[in-house]
Amino acid sequence: MSVKIEWQIFKAETQSDGTWSSNSPALAELLNAIASPDKIKEPALDIEDAMAHLAIKGLPYFKITEINSGNNRENNSINKSSMAIC
């Protein structure tokens, strides 16, 4: 699964290795500090989804813009939903 969040020009996406990638290295560093898998306190069906929800809880101006699910992101990506959480 891959979950994207964004706010204005800043975008970030969860990675399958439990880290964040971003168009801003500082944002990726911040997200890796506040919304990494070890920061998730409750059981989660999907770690990347839980990371994204934790991130927008800590950074309320951001919103979830895309959730993709699939075994192979490049070849078998299925857009489950697009939603905005404010």
N, C-alpha and C. Protein backbone atom coordinates (compact mmCIF):
# COMPACT_ATOMS: atom_id res chain seq x y z
N MET A 1 0.85 -1.17 0.00
CA MET A 1 0.00 0.00 0.00
C MET A 1 0.89 1.23 0.00
N SER A 2 0.39 2.27 -0.59
CA SER A 2 1.07 3.56 -0.59
C SER A 2 0.04 4.62 -0.27
N VAL A 3 0.40 5.53 0.61
CA VAL A 3 -0.51 6.60 0.99
C VAL A 3 0.21 7.93 0.76
N LYS A 4 -0.45 8.85 0.06
CA LYS A 4 0.13 10.15 -0.21
C LYS A 4 -0.58 11.21 0.61
N ILE A 5 0.20 12.15 1.12
CA ILE A 5 -0.37 13.32 1.81
C ILE A 5 0.22 14.55 1.16
N GLU A 6 -0.49 15.67 1.24
CA GLU A 6 0.06 16.90 0.69
C GLU A 6 -0.56 18.13 1.32
N TRP A 7 0.15 19.23 1.19
CA TRP A 7 -0.32 20.55 1.61
C TRP A 7 0.44 21.56 0.76
N GLN A 8 -0.29 22.35 0.03
CA GLN A 8 0.28 23.33 -0.88
C GLN A 8 1.30 22.65 -1.79
N ILE A 9 2.55 23.06 -1.78
CA ILE A 9 3.55 22.46 -2.67
C ILE A 9 4.24 21.25 -2.06
N PHE A 10 3.96 20.95 -0.81
CA PHE A 10 4.63 19.86 -0.11
C PHE A 10 3.86 18.56 -0.27
N LYS A 11 4.56 17.51 -0.68
CA LYS A 11 3.95 16.20 -0.87
C LYS A 11 4.84 15.16 -0.24
N ALA A 12 4.23 14.13 0.28
CA ALA A 12 4.98 13.02 0.88
C ALA A 12 4.22 11.73 0.63
N GLU A 13 4.96 10.64 0.63
CA GLU A 13 4.36 9.34 0.39
C GLU A 13 5.03 8.30 1.27
N THR A 14 4.20 7.40 1.81
CA THR A 14 4.74 6.30 2.60
C THR A 14 5.45 5.33 1.68
N GLN A 15 6.47 4.67 2.23
CA GLN A 15 7.22 3.66 1.49
C GLN A 15 7.03 2.32 2.17
N SER A 16 7.16 1.25 1.43
CA SER A 16 6.93 -0.08 1.99
C SER A 16 7.94 -0.46 3.08
N ASP A 17 9.07 0.26 3.14
CA ASP A 17 10.05 -0.03 4.17
C ASP A 17 9.79 0.72 5.48
N GLY A 18 8.63 1.41 5.56
CA GLY A 18 8.25 2.11 6.78
C GLY A 18 8.83 3.51 6.90
N THR A 19 9.29 4.07 5.79
CA THR A 19 9.81 5.44 5.79
C THR A 19 8.95 6.31 4.90
N TRP A 20 9.26 7.60 4.91
CA TRP A 20 8.57 8.57 4.07
C TRP A 20 9.51 9.09 3.00
N SER A 21 8.96 9.37 1.81
CA SER A 21 9.69 10.10 0.78
C SER A 21 8.92 11.38 0.54
N SER A 22 9.61 12.42 0.11
CA SER A 22 8.96 13.72 -0.06
C SER A 22 9.71 14.55 -1.08
N ASN A 23 9.00 15.57 -1.62
CA ASN A 23 9.67 16.53 -2.48
C ASN A 23 10.46 17.53 -1.64
N SER A 24 10.38 17.42 -0.33
CA SER A 24 11.15 18.24 0.60
C SER A 24 11.91 17.32 1.56
N PRO A 25 13.24 17.30 1.50
CA PRO A 25 14.00 16.46 2.42
C PRO A 25 13.69 16.77 3.90
N ALA A 26 13.46 18.03 4.22
CA ALA A 26 13.16 18.39 5.61
C ALA A 26 11.81 17.81 6.04
N LEU A 27 10.82 17.81 5.14
CA LEU A 27 9.51 17.23 5.46
C LEU A 27 9.65 15.72 5.65
N ALA A 28 10.39 15.04 4.79
CA ALA A 28 10.60 13.60 4.94
C ALA A 28 11.25 13.30 6.28
N GLU A 29 12.24 14.09 6.66
CA GLU A 29 12.91 13.89 7.95
C GLU A 29 11.93 14.09 9.11
N LEU A 30 11.11 15.13 9.03
CA LEU A 30 10.12 15.38 10.08
C LEU A 30 9.12 14.24 10.16
N LEU A 31 8.59 13.80 9.02
CA LEU A 31 7.62 12.71 9.02
C LEU A 31 8.22 11.41 9.54
N ASN A 32 9.46 11.14 9.19
CA ASN A 32 10.11 9.94 9.70
C ASN A 32 10.30 10.00 11.21
N ALA A 33 10.36 11.21 11.76
CA ALA A 33 10.50 11.37 13.21
C ALA A 33 9.16 11.27 13.94
N ILE A 34 8.09 11.82 13.35
CA ILE A 34 6.81 11.88 14.06
C ILE A 34 5.80 10.81 13.64
N ALA A 35 5.99 10.20 12.48
CA ALA A 35 4.98 9.26 11.98
C ALA A 35 5.62 7.99 11.40
N SER A 36 6.56 7.45 12.13
CA SER A 36 7.20 6.20 11.71
C SER A 36 6.44 5.02 12.34
N PRO A 37 6.66 3.82 11.84
CA PRO A 37 5.94 2.66 12.40
C PRO A 37 6.09 2.49 13.91
N ASP A 38 7.26 2.85 14.47
CA ASP A 38 7.44 2.69 15.91
C ASP A 38 6.65 3.71 16.73
N LYS A 39 6.09 4.73 16.10
CA LYS A 39 5.27 5.72 16.80
C LYS A 39 3.79 5.31 16.86
N ILE A 40 3.41 4.28 16.12
CA ILE A 40 2.02 3.82 16.09
C ILE A 40 1.75 3.02 17.36
N LYS A 41 0.79 3.48 18.15
CA LYS A 41 0.51 2.88 19.46
C LYS A 41 -0.57 1.80 19.41
N GLU A 42 -1.49 1.89 18.43
CA GLU A 42 -2.61 0.96 18.36
C GLU A 42 -2.39 -0.05 17.25
N PRO A 43 -2.98 -1.24 17.36
CA PRO A 43 -2.87 -2.22 16.28
C PRO A 43 -3.44 -1.64 14.98
N ALA A 44 -2.77 -1.93 13.87
CA ALA A 44 -3.20 -1.39 12.58
C ALA A 44 -3.19 -2.50 11.53
N LEU A 45 -4.23 -2.50 10.69
CA LEU A 45 -4.28 -3.47 9.61
C LEU A 45 -3.23 -3.15 8.55
N ASP A 46 -2.97 -1.87 8.34
CA ASP A 46 -1.99 -1.46 7.36
C ASP A 46 -1.10 -0.38 7.97
N ILE A 47 0.18 -0.64 8.06
CA ILE A 47 1.12 0.27 8.70
C ILE A 47 1.19 1.61 7.94
N GLU A 48 1.23 1.58 6.61
CA GLU A 48 1.35 2.82 5.84
C GLU A 48 0.14 3.72 6.04
N ASP A 49 -1.05 3.13 6.10
CA ASP A 49 -2.26 3.91 6.35
C ASP A 49 -2.20 4.53 7.75
N ALA A 50 -1.76 3.74 8.73
CA ALA A 50 -1.65 4.24 10.10
C ALA A 50 -0.61 5.36 10.18
N MET A 51 0.50 5.22 9.44
CA MET A 51 1.52 6.27 9.40
C MET A 51 0.94 7.57 8.86
N ALA A 52 0.14 7.47 7.79
CA ALA A 52 -0.44 8.67 7.18
C ALA A 52 -1.41 9.35 8.14
N HIS A 53 -2.23 8.57 8.82
CA HIS A 53 -3.17 9.17 9.77
C HIS A 53 -2.45 9.82 10.95
N LEU A 54 -1.37 9.21 11.40
CA LEU A 54 -0.57 9.80 12.45
C LEU A 54 0.08 11.10 11.97
N ALA A 55 0.53 11.11 10.72
CA ALA A 55 1.16 12.30 10.15
C ALA A 55 0.19 13.48 10.08
N ILE A 56 -1.03 13.22 9.60
CA ILE A 56 -1.98 14.34 9.49
C ILE A 56 -2.52 14.76 10.85
N LYS A 57 -2.41 13.88 11.82
CA LYS A 57 -2.77 14.28 13.18
C LYS A 57 -1.73 15.27 13.72
N GLY A 58 -0.46 15.02 13.40
CA GLY A 58 0.61 15.90 13.84
C GLY A 58 0.79 17.14 12.97
N LEU A 59 0.37 17.05 11.72
CA LEU A 59 0.48 18.16 10.78
C LEU A 59 -0.91 18.43 10.19
N PRO A 60 -1.77 19.13 10.92
CA PRO A 60 -3.19 19.24 10.54
C PRO A 60 -3.45 19.95 9.21
N TYR A 61 -2.51 20.68 8.66
CA TYR A 61 -2.76 21.32 7.37
C TYR A 61 -2.66 20.34 6.22
N PHE A 62 -2.04 19.19 6.45
CA PHE A 62 -1.91 18.18 5.42
C PHE A 62 -3.21 17.38 5.32
N LYS A 63 -3.40 16.76 4.16
CA LYS A 63 -4.56 15.90 3.96
C LYS A 63 -4.12 14.67 3.18
N ILE A 64 -4.83 13.59 3.37
CA ILE A 64 -4.58 12.38 2.59
C ILE A 64 -5.20 12.61 1.22
N THR A 65 -4.41 12.43 0.19
CA THR A 65 -4.91 12.67 -1.16
C THR A 65 -5.05 11.41 -1.99
N GLU A 66 -4.37 10.34 -1.60
CA GLU A 66 -4.44 9.13 -2.41
C GLU A 66 -4.04 7.92 -1.59
N ILE A 67 -4.77 6.84 -1.77
CA ILE A 67 -4.43 5.56 -1.16
C ILE A 67 -4.40 4.54 -2.28
N ASN A 68 -3.25 3.94 -2.49
CA ASN A 68 -3.09 2.92 -3.54
C ASN A 68 -2.79 1.59 -2.89
N SER A 69 -3.41 0.55 -3.42
CA SER A 69 -3.18 -0.78 -2.90
C SER A 69 -2.79 -1.68 -4.05
N GLY A 70 -1.92 -2.63 -3.77
CA GLY A 70 -1.53 -3.60 -4.79
C GLY A 70 -0.26 -4.30 -4.39
N ASN A 71 -0.06 -5.50 -4.93
CA ASN A 71 1.15 -6.26 -4.63
C ASN A 71 2.37 -5.62 -5.26
N ASN A 72 2.21 -5.08 -6.45
CA ASN A 72 3.30 -4.44 -7.16
C ASN A 72 2.83 -3.05 -7.53
N ARG A 73 3.35 -2.03 -6.89
CA ARG A 73 2.85 -0.67 -7.08
C ARG A 73 2.91 -0.22 -8.53
N GLU A 74 3.95 -0.61 -9.26
CA GLU A 74 4.10 -0.14 -10.62
C GLU A 74 3.15 -0.82 -11.58
N ASN A 75 2.97 -2.12 -11.44
CA ASN A 75 2.19 -2.87 -12.43
C ASN A 75 0.78 -3.22 -11.98
N ASN A 76 0.53 -3.25 -10.69
CA ASN A 76 -0.75 -3.73 -10.21
C ASN A 76 -1.36 -2.76 -9.20
N SER A 77 -1.22 -1.49 -9.45
CA SER A 77 -1.71 -0.49 -8.51
C SER A 77 -3.19 -0.24 -8.73
N ILE A 78 -3.94 -0.32 -7.67
CA ILE A 78 -5.38 -0.09 -7.72
C ILE A 78 -5.69 1.06 -6.80
N ASN A 79 -6.33 2.09 -7.32
CA ASN A 79 -6.68 3.24 -6.50
C ASN A 79 -7.91 2.87 -5.68
N LYS A 80 -7.72 2.61 -4.38
CA LYS A 80 -8.83 2.23 -3.51
C LYS A 80 -9.75 3.41 -3.26
N SER A 81 -9.15 4.55 -2.97
CA SER A 81 -9.98 5.72 -2.70
C SER A 81 -9.13 6.97 -2.74
N SER A 82 -9.75 8.06 -2.99
CA SER A 82 -9.13 9.36 -2.84
C SER A 82 -9.96 10.11 -1.82
N MET A 83 -9.33 10.60 -0.78
CA MET A 83 -10.11 11.29 0.21
C MET A 83 -9.32 12.44 0.80
N ALA A 84 -10.02 13.39 1.30
CA ALA A 84 -9.38 14.52 1.97
C ALA A 84 -9.83 14.51 3.42
N ILE A 85 -8.87 14.58 4.32
CA ILE A 85 -9.18 14.64 5.74
C ILE A 85 -8.63 15.94 6.26
N CYS A 86 -9.49 16.78 6.76
CA CYS A 86 -9.05 18.10 7.25
C CYS A 86 -9.01 18.12 8.75
